[in-house]
Amino acid sequence: MQPTAHVDTYARDHLPPESQWPALLLDNPDVTYPARLNCAAELLDRAIESGYGARPAIWSEVDGQPRATTYSQLRELVDRSAHVLIDDMKLQPGNRVLLRGPNTLQMAVAMLAALKAGLVVVPTMPLLRAKELKQIIDKANISAALCDVRLADELARNTDPANEYFCAGLEQVRYFHDDAPDSLETLAAAKPAQFRACDTASDDVCLIAFTSGTTGTPKGCMHFHRDVLAMCDLFPRHVLRPTADDVFCGTPPLAFTFGLGGILCFPLRVGASTVLIEKLTPALLLQTIEKFRATIVFTAPTFYRQMAPLVKDADISSLRQTVSAGEALPQATRDLWREATGIEMIDGIGGTEMIHIFISSAGSDVRPGSIGRAVPGYVVQALDDALQPVPPGTTGNLAVRGPTGCRYLADERQMKFVRDGWNLPGDAVSIDADGYVFYQARADDMIVSSGYNIAGPEVETVLMQHPAVSECGVTGVPDDVRGQVVKAFVVLKPGFDGNEAMVAELQNFVKSAVAAYKYPRLIAFIDALPRTETGKLKRAVLRTM
């Protein structure tokens, strides 16, 4: 590894041993980067050096009207904000910074400023609650946070010594989307308009992206500055093929690497523009495409299915590429979208551990029923449990190698995800003789609903805290709209009735404790849970009930 620019070396010190890393395929001109590299400078400063300074970088909607922030204006906002992080907050390279905010210009500025200053960003979804934030703050040893002021309530519980979710190490919070005297924007306005990017190593950690495993315990995936560029220089370059004239938009949060790449980093890498809108419904996404003349959209299959019947009422003639990821794309949804728009969907499979999409196909390369083939720069195989290749067309465990890969933050699950140099995402697939990958199922019990990963045991833990619940089991069940929905099987204590009022009470109880998207949309009251002789819950039986 290169000499680090980090003064605070917590992230590098807590990387897994290199012997536990996946094999990295770096002998590739697409991902040949210099030893010293700052990804924010590469994304923003290089675009301006290429002559894009006066072009729109980020589109926002202000009072119902489109408003463009040019590349030059964006860099000035980023550089002024970086001065606040260093001069006012006294942060040092390598410090971890929690980011909280919806998809807005201010959130993008905060993220890029932290990266440029050599900090390690830890973006979090707006829906997360204090309990979930505490797990992340404690695990990543986070001392500072940048937060949209409208999300202040949950984070305030983490800074309150009297609260059960207090985080002693979280020493300071700076708010944005705020006109208070000490807000990030107010302080930044008085700062110099230029900031010299931190001289980070290409393999300095710059991003810890948290995901949830089947236990519900968050896993922090550590990515380097070079990884952020690699995600921009492989899938987009070889499959999406954007140009500086493209306008990106979509629904995934910037806290997801799917959104970080698709609606921020990818457009910046080629001098294109992106539309950042906070809350999008299917109808509003279509309106956004029409209003901003978007050409590339990223969202989950659920949205495409819901947008298809609405397309006839919107002018989306500007649209040329539509990318689906986050959950399996049903062939019926692909067909429905093509019939409605004439556009062939670009499906993809990626993951937080890999940072972005590593299997995909577009246009004439699309094969019915398949996700696609390995993105150039990656190698994929279907392996048996002994890590031996299975014959073409046979179901096996998906294995992938490339220039990016899994490096968990101080987590013993590293040795489960990475074996013999392969990343093992936990998907069951078959691969035909031409290299096309056909998704079968998750190899574990993760529930994927509208693109969100939900761990059943976490929901069970919350439900068990309700005074009426004796025991419960949570699983995912098929749903035509969301792919899967969370279903809870609940055994009530004597004296409580399993009626509609109880269903609503339990649903609201879960919503009050964890992110709302995790609540059980279906609840069934049963007399006893199916268990093995040793007392383990038979989740497979639950799914058939």
Protein backbone atom coordinates (compact mmCIF):
# COMPACT_ATOMS: atom_id res chain seq x y z
CA MET A 1 0.00 0.00 0.00
CA GLN A 2 1.06 3.60 -0.63
CA PRO A 3 2.09 5.94 2.23
CA THR A 4 -1.15 7.28 3.66
CA ALA A 5 -2.13 10.93 3.86
CA HIS A 6 -4.31 10.17 6.86
CA VAL A 7 -3.34 11.63 10.19
CA ASP A 8 -6.09 9.55 11.78
CA THR A 9 -5.31 6.03 10.54
CA TYR A 10 -8.29 4.23 12.13
CA ALA A 11 -9.72 3.15 8.75
CA ARG A 12 -6.45 1.75 7.40
CA ASP A 13 -5.64 0.16 10.75
CA HIS A 14 -8.96 -1.72 10.68
CA LEU A 15 -8.75 -3.07 7.16
CA PRO A 16 -8.73 -6.85 7.10
CA PRO A 17 -5.30 -8.45 6.64
CA GLU A 18 -4.31 -8.38 2.98
CA SER A 19 -4.32 -12.19 3.02
CA GLN A 20 -8.11 -11.96 3.46
CA TRP A 21 -8.64 -9.52 0.60
CA PRO A 22 -10.09 -10.68 -2.71
CA ALA A 23 -7.73 -11.00 -5.65
CA LEU A 24 -7.69 -7.55 -7.29
CA LEU A 25 -7.50 -7.33 -11.08
CA LEU A 26 -5.60 -4.06 -11.50
CA ASP A 27 -3.59 -4.86 -14.65
CA ASN A 28 -6.09 -3.03 -16.81
CA PRO A 29 -5.64 0.36 -18.52
CA ASP A 30 -9.18 1.35 -17.54
CA VAL A 31 -8.20 1.31 -13.86
CA THR A 32 -4.56 2.35 -13.98
CA TYR A 33 -4.34 5.32 -11.64
CA PRO A 34 -1.46 7.31 -10.15
CA ALA A 35 -0.21 6.48 -6.66
CA ARG A 36 -1.51 9.80 -5.28
CA LEU A 37 -5.15 10.38 -6.05
CA ASN A 38 -8.09 12.31 -4.58
CA CYS A 39 -11.34 11.12 -6.14
CA ALA A 40 -13.23 14.38 -5.51
CA ALA A 41 -10.52 16.38 -7.27
CA GLU A 42 -10.54 13.90 -10.14
CA LEU A 43 -14.31 14.13 -10.52
CA LEU A 44 -14.66 17.89 -10.17
CA ASP A 45 -11.37 19.67 -10.90
CA ARG A 46 -10.61 17.51 -13.93
CA ALA A 47 -14.01 18.29 -15.43
CA ILE A 48 -13.25 21.99 -15.20
CA GLU A 49 -9.77 21.46 -16.67
CA SER A 50 -11.52 19.70 -19.56
CA GLY A 51 -13.52 22.84 -20.29
CA TYR A 52 -16.79 21.96 -18.58
CA GLY A 53 -16.73 24.77 -15.98
CA ALA A 54 -19.69 26.67 -17.42
CA ARG A 55 -21.78 23.55 -18.03
CA PRO A 56 -24.50 22.42 -15.60
CA ALA A 57 -23.29 19.86 -13.08
CA ILE A 58 -26.27 19.53 -10.73
CA TRP A 59 -29.87 20.44 -11.44
CA SER A 60 -32.21 21.23 -8.56
CA GLU A 61 -35.84 22.25 -8.38
CA VAL A 62 -36.40 25.58 -6.64
CA ASP A 63 -39.96 26.88 -6.30
CA GLY A 64 -41.01 24.45 -9.00
CA GLN A 65 -38.43 25.68 -11.49
CA PRO A 66 -35.19 24.02 -12.66
CA ARG A 67 -32.01 25.60 -11.32
CA ALA A 68 -28.54 24.66 -12.56
CA THR A 69 -25.34 24.69 -10.54
CA THR A 70 -22.41 24.77 -12.96
CA TYR A 71 -19.20 22.83 -12.48
CA SER A 72 -17.37 26.02 -11.52
CA GLN A 73 -20.08 26.98 -9.03
CA LEU A 74 -20.12 23.45 -7.60
CA ARG A 75 -16.37 23.44 -7.09
CA GLU A 76 -16.54 26.78 -5.31
CA LEU A 77 -19.25 25.47 -2.97
CA VAL A 78 -17.23 22.33 -2.33
CA ASP A 79 -13.97 24.18 -1.73
CA ARG A 80 -15.54 26.71 0.66
CA SER A 81 -17.19 23.86 2.58
CA ALA A 82 -13.91 21.95 2.77
CA HIS A 83 -12.39 24.98 4.51
CA VAL A 84 -15.13 24.78 7.15
CA LEU A 85 -14.34 21.13 7.80
CA ILE A 86 -10.65 21.84 8.29
CA ASP A 87 -10.61 25.39 9.67
CA ASP A 88 -13.72 25.47 11.87
CA MET A 89 -14.37 21.85 12.72
CA LYS A 90 -10.62 21.09 13.01
CA LEU A 91 -11.03 17.75 11.29
CA GLN A 92 -7.94 15.88 10.14
CA PRO A 93 -7.41 13.62 7.14
CA GLY A 94 -8.69 10.16 7.94
CA ASN A 95 -11.37 11.30 10.41
CA ARG A 96 -14.70 9.60 9.69
CA VAL A 97 -17.65 11.90 8.99
CA LEU A 98 -21.27 10.74 9.14
CA LEU A 99 -23.39 12.18 6.32
CA ARG A 100 -27.16 12.52 6.69
CA GLY A 101 -29.33 13.97 4.00
CA PRO A 102 -31.68 13.31 1.08
CA ASN A 103 -30.62 13.71 -2.54
CA THR A 104 -29.95 17.43 -2.68
CA LEU A 105 -27.26 19.80 -3.92
CA GLN A 106 -26.27 20.42 -0.28
CA MET A 107 -25.78 16.70 0.39
CA ALA A 108 -23.60 16.36 -2.72
CA VAL A 109 -21.53 19.38 -1.68
CA ALA A 110 -21.01 18.00 1.83
CA MET A 111 -19.89 14.65 0.47
CA LEU A 112 -17.51 16.05 -2.13
CA ALA A 113 -16.05 18.56 0.36
CA ALA A 114 -15.32 15.81 2.89
CA LEU A 115 -13.67 13.65 0.23
CA LYS A 116 -11.58 16.54 -1.05
CA ALA A 117 -10.43 17.30 2.49
CA GLY A 118 -9.16 13.73 2.86
CA LEU A 119 -11.87 12.64 5.27
CA VAL A 120 -13.63 9.28 5.19
CA VAL A 121 -17.32 9.71 4.40
CA VAL A 122 -19.92 7.45 6.00
CA PRO A 123 -23.21 8.26 4.23
CA THR A 124 -26.44 7.06 5.82
CA MET A 125 -29.99 6.79 4.55
CA PRO A 126 -32.37 9.51 5.76
CA LEU A 127 -34.79 6.88 7.08
CA LEU A 128 -32.39 5.45 9.66
CA ARG A 129 -33.21 5.98 13.32
CA ALA A 130 -31.02 6.67 16.34
CA LYS A 131 -30.63 2.98 17.20
CA GLU A 132 -29.29 2.17 13.74
CA LEU A 133 -27.14 5.30 13.61
CA LYS A 134 -25.51 4.37 16.91
CA GLN A 135 -24.37 1.03 15.50
CA ILE A 136 -22.72 2.81 12.60
CA ILE A 137 -21.23 5.66 14.64
CA ASP A 138 -19.72 3.31 17.19
CA LYS A 139 -18.38 0.80 14.67
CA ALA A 140 -16.73 3.43 12.46
CA ASN A 141 -15.53 5.46 15.45
CA ILE A 142 -17.13 8.60 14.03
CA SER A 143 -16.39 11.92 15.70
CA ALA A 144 -18.25 14.37 13.42
CA ALA A 145 -21.44 14.53 11.40
CA LEU A 146 -22.79 16.68 8.59
CA CYS A 147 -26.58 16.54 8.65
CA ASP A 148 -29.51 18.09 6.83
CA VAL A 149 -31.20 20.16 9.52
CA ARG A 150 -34.53 18.51 8.71
CA LEU A 151 -33.09 15.21 9.92
CA ALA A 152 -31.80 16.62 13.19
CA ASP A 153 -34.20 14.82 15.54
CA GLU A 154 -32.82 11.28 15.32
CA LEU A 155 -29.19 12.40 15.38
CA ALA A 156 -29.94 14.56 18.43
CA ARG A 157 -30.65 11.35 20.34
CA ASN A 158 -27.12 10.21 19.55
CA THR A 159 -25.66 13.41 21.06
CA ASP A 160 -27.85 13.43 24.19
CA PRO A 161 -26.02 11.88 27.19
CA ALA A 162 -29.39 11.04 28.75
CA ASN A 163 -30.52 8.99 25.74
CA GLU A 164 -29.97 5.25 25.47
CA TYR A 165 -28.50 5.74 22.00
CA PHE A 166 -25.92 8.32 23.09
CA CYS A 167 -22.61 8.13 21.23
CA ALA A 168 -19.84 9.53 23.41
CA GLY A 169 -17.39 9.74 20.51
CA LEU A 170 -19.64 11.91 18.33
CA GLU A 171 -18.19 15.26 19.35
CA GLN A 172 -19.70 17.67 16.83
CA VAL A 173 -22.52 18.01 14.34
CA ARG A 174 -22.72 20.66 11.65
CA TYR A 175 -26.04 21.16 9.87
CA PHE A 176 -26.67 22.09 6.26
CA HIS A 177 -29.78 23.13 4.31
CA ASP A 178 -29.88 25.72 7.07
CA ASP A 179 -29.39 29.49 7.34
CA ALA A 180 -28.30 29.50 11.01
CA PRO A 181 -25.09 31.44 11.77
CA ASP A 182 -23.15 28.23 12.44
CA SER A 183 -24.53 26.17 9.57
CA LEU A 184 -22.24 24.66 6.96
CA GLU A 185 -23.52 27.03 4.25
CA THR A 186 -23.31 30.18 6.36
CA LEU A 187 -19.76 29.48 7.46
CA ALA A 188 -18.73 28.39 3.98
CA ALA A 189 -19.92 31.64 2.42
CA ALA A 190 -17.14 33.52 4.23
CA LYS A 191 -14.37 31.08 3.27
CA PRO A 192 -11.85 31.25 0.39
CA ALA A 193 -13.17 29.98 -2.92
CA GLN A 194 -10.21 27.67 -3.50
CA PHE A 195 -9.15 24.61 -1.52
CA ARG A 196 -6.17 22.43 -2.31
CA ALA A 197 -7.23 18.80 -2.31
CA CYS A 198 -5.66 16.56 0.30
CA ASP A 199 -2.78 14.58 -1.22
CA THR A 200 -4.37 11.20 -0.52
CA ALA A 201 -2.99 7.89 -1.69
CA SER A 202 -5.01 6.06 -4.32
CA ASP A 203 -5.49 3.30 -1.72
CA ASP A 204 -6.44 5.56 1.17
CA VAL A 205 -9.93 4.71 2.43
CA CYS A 206 -12.40 7.43 1.44
CA LEU A 207 -15.77 5.72 1.87
CA ILE A 208 -17.30 3.36 4.43
CA ALA A 209 -20.60 2.18 3.00
CA PHE A 210 -22.69 0.26 5.49
CA THR A 211 -24.89 -2.66 4.57
CA SER A 212 -26.90 -5.05 6.72
CA GLY A 213 -26.36 -8.77 6.91
CA THR A 214 -28.85 -11.42 7.86
CA THR A 215 -28.10 -10.82 11.54
CA GLY A 216 -29.00 -7.16 11.19
CA THR A 217 -25.55 -6.15 12.43
CA PRO A 218 -24.24 -3.52 10.03
CA LYS A 219 -21.17 -4.28 7.96
CA GLY A 220 -18.96 -1.39 6.90
CA CYS A 221 -17.52 -1.81 3.40
CA MET A 222 -14.32 0.18 3.01
CA HIS A 223 -13.48 1.60 -0.41
CA PHE A 224 -10.45 3.50 -1.63
CA HIS A 225 -10.19 6.67 -3.72
CA ARG A 226 -9.27 4.48 -6.70
CA ASP A 227 -12.39 2.36 -6.17
CA VAL A 228 -14.66 5.38 -6.61
CA LEU A 229 -13.03 6.07 -9.96
CA ALA A 230 -13.07 2.40 -10.95
CA MET A 231 -16.84 2.25 -10.57
CA CYS A 232 -17.01 5.22 -12.95
CA ASP A 233 -14.57 3.78 -15.48
CA LEU A 234 -15.98 0.27 -16.00
CA PHE A 235 -19.77 -0.20 -16.02
CA PRO A 236 -20.52 3.32 -17.33
CA ARG A 237 -17.74 3.27 -19.90
CA HIS A 238 -18.44 -0.18 -21.33
CA VAL A 239 -22.19 -0.60 -20.84
CA LEU A 240 -23.88 2.75 -20.22
CA ARG A 241 -21.59 4.83 -22.46
CA PRO A 242 -22.61 8.30 -21.29
CA THR A 243 -21.44 11.57 -22.82
CA ALA A 244 -21.14 15.11 -21.52
CA ASP A 245 -24.55 15.89 -23.03
CA ASP A 246 -26.38 13.36 -20.86
CA VAL A 247 -28.68 14.32 -18.00
CA PHE A 248 -28.89 11.70 -15.24
CA CYS A 249 -31.68 11.27 -12.70
CA GLY A 250 -33.11 8.56 -10.46
CA THR A 251 -34.34 7.45 -7.09
CA PRO A 252 -31.54 5.63 -5.20
CA PRO A 253 -30.23 7.59 -2.20
CA LEU A 254 -26.70 8.96 -2.38
CA ALA A 255 -26.11 6.88 0.75
CA PHE A 256 -26.41 3.75 -1.43
CA THR A 257 -23.42 3.12 -3.66
CA PHE A 258 -26.00 2.49 -6.42
CA GLY A 259 -27.09 6.12 -6.07
CA LEU A 260 -23.63 7.52 -5.31
CA GLY A 261 -22.39 6.21 -8.62
CA GLY A 262 -25.47 6.47 -10.77
CA ILE A 263 -26.63 9.98 -9.93
CA LEU A 264 -23.47 11.73 -8.77
CA CYS A 265 -20.11 10.21 -9.68
CA PHE A 266 -20.94 8.80 -13.12
CA PRO A 267 -22.17 12.13 -14.54
CA LEU A 268 -19.31 14.11 -12.98
CA ARG A 269 -16.77 11.72 -14.47
CA VAL A 270 -17.83 12.59 -18.04
CA GLY A 271 -18.82 16.23 -17.59
CA ALA A 272 -22.54 15.46 -17.75
CA SER A 273 -25.24 16.77 -15.40
CA THR A 274 -27.49 15.16 -12.82
CA VAL A 275 -30.87 15.99 -11.32
CA LEU A 276 -31.12 15.69 -7.54
CA ILE A 277 -34.70 15.57 -6.28
CA GLU A 278 -35.54 14.64 -2.68
CA LYS A 279 -38.67 12.54 -2.90
CA LEU A 280 -39.79 10.85 -6.08
CA THR A 281 -42.89 8.82 -6.76
CA PRO A 282 -43.27 7.02 -10.10
CA ALA A 283 -45.38 9.89 -11.41
CA LEU A 284 -42.92 12.52 -10.14
CA LEU A 285 -39.99 10.67 -11.66
CA LEU A 286 -41.69 10.78 -15.05
CA GLN A 287 -42.35 14.50 -14.55
CA THR A 288 -38.69 14.98 -13.64
CA ILE A 289 -37.56 13.22 -16.81
CA GLU A 290 -39.88 15.47 -18.84
CA LYS A 291 -39.01 18.74 -17.07
CA PHE A 292 -35.23 18.30 -17.13
CA ARG A 293 -35.07 16.37 -20.42
CA ALA A 294 -33.26 13.55 -18.67
CA THR A 295 -31.52 10.99 -20.84
CA ILE A 296 -30.45 8.33 -18.28
CA VAL A 297 -32.46 7.13 -15.29
CA PHE A 298 -31.54 4.82 -12.41
CA THR A 299 -34.21 3.16 -10.28
CA ALA A 300 -35.49 -0.20 -9.06
CA PRO A 301 -37.79 -2.58 -10.95
CA THR A 302 -40.70 -1.56 -8.74
CA PHE A 303 -40.64 1.97 -10.14
CA TYR A 304 -40.42 0.83 -13.76
CA ARG A 305 -43.42 -1.42 -13.26
CA GLN A 306 -45.42 1.43 -11.73
CA MET A 307 -44.27 3.99 -14.32
CA ALA A 308 -45.08 1.87 -17.38
CA PRO A 309 -48.85 2.58 -17.44
CA LEU A 310 -48.18 6.30 -16.78
CA VAL A 311 -45.75 6.80 -19.66
CA LYS A 312 -48.50 7.65 -22.11
CA ASP A 313 -49.23 10.85 -20.18
CA ALA A 314 -45.62 12.11 -20.08
CA ASP A 315 -43.11 13.31 -22.68
CA ILE A 316 -40.06 11.17 -22.04
CA SER A 317 -38.73 11.40 -25.59
CA SER A 318 -35.37 12.59 -24.22
CA LEU A 319 -34.81 9.30 -22.41
CA ARG A 320 -32.34 6.88 -24.02
CA GLN A 321 -31.06 4.61 -21.22
CA THR A 322 -32.85 3.12 -18.21
CA VAL A 323 -30.87 1.20 -15.58
CA SER A 324 -32.42 -1.27 -13.16
CA ALA A 325 -30.61 -2.62 -10.10
CA GLY A 326 -31.11 -3.12 -6.39
CA GLU A 327 -33.24 -6.24 -6.77
CA ALA A 328 -33.99 -8.89 -9.37
CA LEU A 329 -35.62 -7.55 -12.53
CA PRO A 330 -38.58 -9.76 -13.52
CA GLN A 331 -38.73 -10.48 -17.24
CA ALA A 332 -42.37 -9.34 -17.16
CA THR A 333 -41.28 -5.91 -15.92
CA ARG A 334 -38.59 -5.69 -18.61
CA ASP A 335 -41.18 -6.56 -21.26
CA LEU A 336 -43.76 -4.16 -19.84
CA TRP A 337 -41.27 -1.28 -19.88
CA ARG A 338 -40.10 -2.03 -23.41
CA GLU A 339 -43.67 -2.15 -24.68
CA ALA A 340 -44.48 1.17 -23.01
CA THR A 341 -41.33 3.06 -24.01
CA GLY A 342 -39.49 1.18 -26.73
CA ILE A 343 -36.41 1.20 -24.48
CA GLU A 344 -34.55 -2.02 -23.64
CA MET A 345 -33.74 -2.05 -19.94
CA ILE A 346 -30.15 -2.22 -18.74
CA ASP A 347 -30.24 -4.69 -15.86
CA GLY A 348 -27.34 -4.99 -13.47
CA ILE A 349 -26.16 -6.70 -10.34
CA GLY A 350 -23.72 -5.03 -8.02
CA GLY A 351 -23.37 -4.69 -4.30
CA THR A 352 -22.06 -2.48 -1.56
CA GLU A 353 -19.05 -4.77 -1.11
CA MET A 354 -18.12 -4.38 -4.80
CA ILE A 355 -19.15 -0.67 -4.78
CA HIS A 356 -21.26 -0.90 -7.96
CA ILE A 357 -22.48 -2.97 -10.92
CA PHE A 358 -20.22 -5.79 -12.12
CA ILE A 359 -22.65 -7.80 -14.29
CA SER A 360 -24.79 -6.11 -16.95
CA SER A 361 -25.65 -5.88 -20.63
CA ALA A 362 -27.25 -3.29 -22.86
CA GLY A 363 -28.94 -3.07 -26.24
CA SER A 364 -28.32 -5.98 -28.57
CA ASP A 365 -26.26 -7.74 -25.87
CA VAL A 366 -29.37 -8.29 -23.75
CA ARG A 367 -30.46 -11.91 -23.50
CA PRO A 368 -33.99 -12.69 -22.20
CA GLY A 369 -34.03 -13.79 -18.58
CA SER A 370 -30.38 -12.90 -18.01
CA ILE A 371 -28.85 -10.10 -15.93
CA GLY A 372 -26.06 -9.85 -18.48
CA ARG A 373 -22.38 -10.71 -18.63
CA ALA A 374 -19.38 -9.67 -16.57
CA VAL A 375 -18.61 -5.99 -17.05
CA PRO A 376 -15.17 -5.70 -18.72
CA GLY A 377 -12.59 -5.64 -15.94
CA TYR A 378 -14.48 -8.23 -13.88
CA VAL A 379 -14.53 -12.04 -13.99
CA VAL A 380 -17.53 -14.03 -12.75
CA GLN A 381 -18.04 -17.73 -12.18
CA ALA A 382 -20.63 -20.06 -10.68
CA LEU A 383 -18.91 -22.23 -8.06
CA ASP A 384 -19.94 -25.17 -5.93
CA ASP A 385 -19.47 -25.21 -2.15
CA ALA A 386 -15.89 -26.44 -2.63
CA LEU A 387 -15.22 -23.34 -4.80
CA GLN A 388 -14.97 -25.41 -7.97
CA PRO A 389 -16.64 -24.22 -11.21
CA VAL A 390 -19.96 -25.88 -12.03
CA PRO A 391 -20.86 -26.77 -15.63
CA PRO A 392 -22.56 -24.12 -17.81
CA GLY A 393 -26.26 -23.88 -17.08
CA THR A 394 -25.87 -25.41 -13.61
CA THR A 395 -26.83 -23.44 -10.51
CA GLY A 396 -23.93 -22.46 -8.30
CA ASN A 397 -22.72 -19.71 -5.99
CA LEU A 398 -21.91 -16.43 -7.73
CA ALA A 399 -18.21 -15.56 -7.45
CA VAL A 400 -16.58 -12.39 -8.77
CA ARG A 401 -13.15 -10.80 -9.05
CA GLY A 402 -12.23 -7.38 -10.35
CA PRO A 403 -10.45 -4.13 -9.46
CA THR A 404 -12.85 -3.57 -6.56
CA GLY A 405 -13.83 -5.95 -3.79
CA CYS A 406 -14.88 -6.59 -0.24
CA ARG A 407 -12.89 -5.16 2.66
CA TYR A 408 -15.07 -5.09 5.75
CA LEU A 409 -14.33 -2.79 8.65
CA ALA A 410 -13.10 -5.03 11.49
CA ASP A 411 -15.57 -7.82 10.76
CA GLU A 412 -15.09 -11.57 10.99
CA ARG A 413 -17.60 -11.99 8.15
CA GLN A 414 -14.78 -10.96 5.79
CA MET A 415 -13.71 -14.59 5.65
CA LYS A 416 -17.21 -15.66 4.63
CA PHE A 417 -17.59 -13.10 1.84
CA VAL A 418 -14.05 -13.57 0.49
CA ARG A 419 -12.71 -17.08 -0.04
CA ASP A 420 -9.80 -18.16 -2.19
CA GLY A 421 -9.60 -14.65 -3.65
CA TRP A 422 -13.24 -14.67 -4.78
CA ASN A 423 -15.95 -12.29 -3.64
CA LEU A 424 -19.02 -14.37 -2.79
CA PRO A 425 -22.07 -12.07 -2.72
CA GLY A 426 -24.43 -14.85 -1.59
CA ASP A 427 -26.40 -15.18 -4.82
CA ALA A 428 -27.33 -18.43 -6.52
CA VAL A 429 -26.90 -18.16 -10.30
CA SER A 430 -26.35 -20.17 -13.43
CA ILE A 431 -24.01 -19.04 -16.21
CA ASP A 432 -24.41 -20.25 -19.77
CA ALA A 433 -21.63 -21.10 -22.22
CA ASP A 434 -21.61 -17.51 -23.53
CA GLY A 435 -21.06 -16.03 -20.08
CA TYR A 436 -24.62 -14.80 -19.52
CA VAL A 437 -25.62 -14.85 -15.86
CA PHE A 438 -29.09 -16.00 -14.82
CA TYR A 439 -30.13 -15.06 -11.30
CA GLN A 440 -31.84 -17.75 -9.22
CA ALA A 441 -32.22 -16.43 -5.67
CA ARG A 442 -30.46 -15.05 -2.64
CA ALA A 443 -28.48 -17.75 -0.94
CA ASP A 444 -29.46 -16.42 2.48
CA ASP A 445 -32.67 -15.13 4.01
CA MET A 446 -32.25 -11.45 3.23
CA ILE A 447 -35.53 -9.79 2.29
CA VAL A 448 -35.22 -7.43 -0.70
CA SER A 449 -38.21 -5.10 -0.91
CA SER A 450 -38.30 -2.24 -3.43
CA GLY A 451 -34.52 -2.31 -3.54
CA TYR A 452 -34.04 -2.17 0.25
CA ASN A 453 -32.24 -4.99 2.05
CA ILE A 454 -34.10 -5.95 5.22
CA ALA A 455 -32.86 -8.45 7.79
CA GLY A 456 -35.74 -10.49 9.21
CA PRO A 457 -34.08 -11.06 12.61
CA GLU A 458 -33.80 -7.31 13.16
CA VAL A 459 -37.56 -6.88 12.70
CA GLU A 460 -38.15 -9.86 14.99
CA THR A 461 -36.05 -8.23 17.71
CA VAL A 462 -38.22 -5.12 17.61
CA LEU A 463 -41.51 -7.04 17.60
CA MET A 464 -40.41 -9.11 20.59
CA GLN A 465 -40.18 -5.89 22.61
CA HIS A 466 -43.94 -5.31 22.28
CA PRO A 467 -45.82 -6.40 25.39
CA ALA A 468 -48.36 -8.41 23.40
CA VAL A 469 -45.85 -10.55 21.48
CA SER A 470 -44.84 -13.95 22.80
CA GLU A 471 -42.68 -14.93 19.84
CA CYS A 472 -42.48 -14.17 16.15
CA GLY A 473 -40.81 -15.04 12.89
CA VAL A 474 -40.23 -12.70 9.95
CA THR A 475 -39.67 -13.60 6.32
CA GLY A 476 -40.12 -12.17 2.85
CA VAL A 477 -43.01 -13.18 0.65
CA PRO A 478 -43.38 -12.51 -3.11
CA ASP A 479 -45.10 -9.28 -4.14
CA ASP A 480 -45.89 -8.16 -7.69
CA VAL A 481 -45.04 -4.52 -6.97
CA ARG A 482 -42.16 -4.60 -4.49
CA GLY A 483 -40.58 -7.92 -5.39
CA GLN A 484 -40.92 -9.01 -1.78
CA VAL A 485 -42.66 -7.63 1.28
CA VAL A 486 -41.93 -8.26 4.93
CA LYS A 487 -44.36 -10.68 6.59
CA ALA A 488 -44.41 -11.33 10.32
CA PHE A 489 -45.87 -14.47 11.90
CA VAL A 490 -46.77 -13.54 15.48
CA VAL A 491 -47.71 -15.63 18.49
CA LEU A 492 -49.58 -13.40 20.94
CA LYS A 493 -49.53 -13.66 24.69
CA PRO A 494 -52.76 -14.71 26.43
CA GLY A 495 -55.27 -11.91 26.72
CA PHE A 496 -54.42 -10.19 23.44
CA ASP A 497 -56.53 -10.41 20.30
CA GLY A 498 -55.12 -10.85 16.81
CA ASN A 499 -57.34 -8.32 15.09
CA GLU A 500 -56.83 -5.41 12.67
CA ALA A 501 -56.18 -3.02 15.55
CA MET A 502 -53.33 -5.23 16.76
CA VAL A 503 -51.89 -5.39 13.23
CA ALA A 504 -51.78 -1.59 13.05
CA GLU A 505 -50.34 -1.33 16.55
CA LEU A 506 -47.50 -3.72 15.80
CA GLN A 507 -46.74 -2.06 12.47
CA ASN A 508 -46.52 1.37 14.09
CA PHE A 509 -44.40 -0.08 16.89
CA VAL A 510 -41.81 -1.28 14.37
CA LYS A 511 -41.89 2.02 12.48
CA SER A 512 -41.13 3.90 15.70
CA ALA A 513 -38.03 1.82 16.41
CA VAL A 514 -36.32 1.29 13.05
CA ALA A 515 -36.46 2.70 9.53
CA ALA A 516 -40.05 2.69 8.30
CA TYR A 517 -39.32 0.62 5.19
CA LYS A 518 -38.57 -2.37 7.44
CA TYR A 519 -42.04 -2.66 8.98
CA PRO A 520 -44.08 -5.81 8.26
CA ARG A 521 -46.69 -5.00 5.64
CA LEU A 522 -48.33 -8.35 6.37
CA ILE A 523 -48.91 -9.85 9.81
CA ALA A 524 -50.39 -13.29 10.48
CA PHE A 525 -51.32 -14.45 13.97
CA ILE A 526 -50.56 -18.12 14.60
CA ASP A 527 -50.59 -20.47 17.59
CA ALA A 528 -46.98 -21.63 17.34
CA LEU A 529 -43.90 -21.13 15.16
CA PRO A 530 -42.44 -24.03 13.18
CA ARG A 531 -39.13 -25.03 14.80
CA THR A 532 -36.52 -27.75 14.49
CA GLU A 533 -35.82 -30.25 17.25
CA THR A 534 -33.05 -27.96 18.48
CA GLY A 535 -35.39 -24.98 18.63
CA LYS A 536 -34.28 -23.18 15.47
CA LEU A 537 -36.93 -21.32 13.50
CA LYS A 538 -37.78 -22.99 10.19
CA ARG A 539 -37.81 -19.93 7.93
CA ALA A 540 -38.31 -22.07 4.84
CA VAL A 541 -41.56 -23.35 6.35
CA LEU A 542 -42.67 -19.80 7.17
CA ARG A 543 -42.28 -18.83 3.52
CA THR A 544 -44.72 -21.56 2.50
CA MET A 545 -47.39 -20.66 5.06
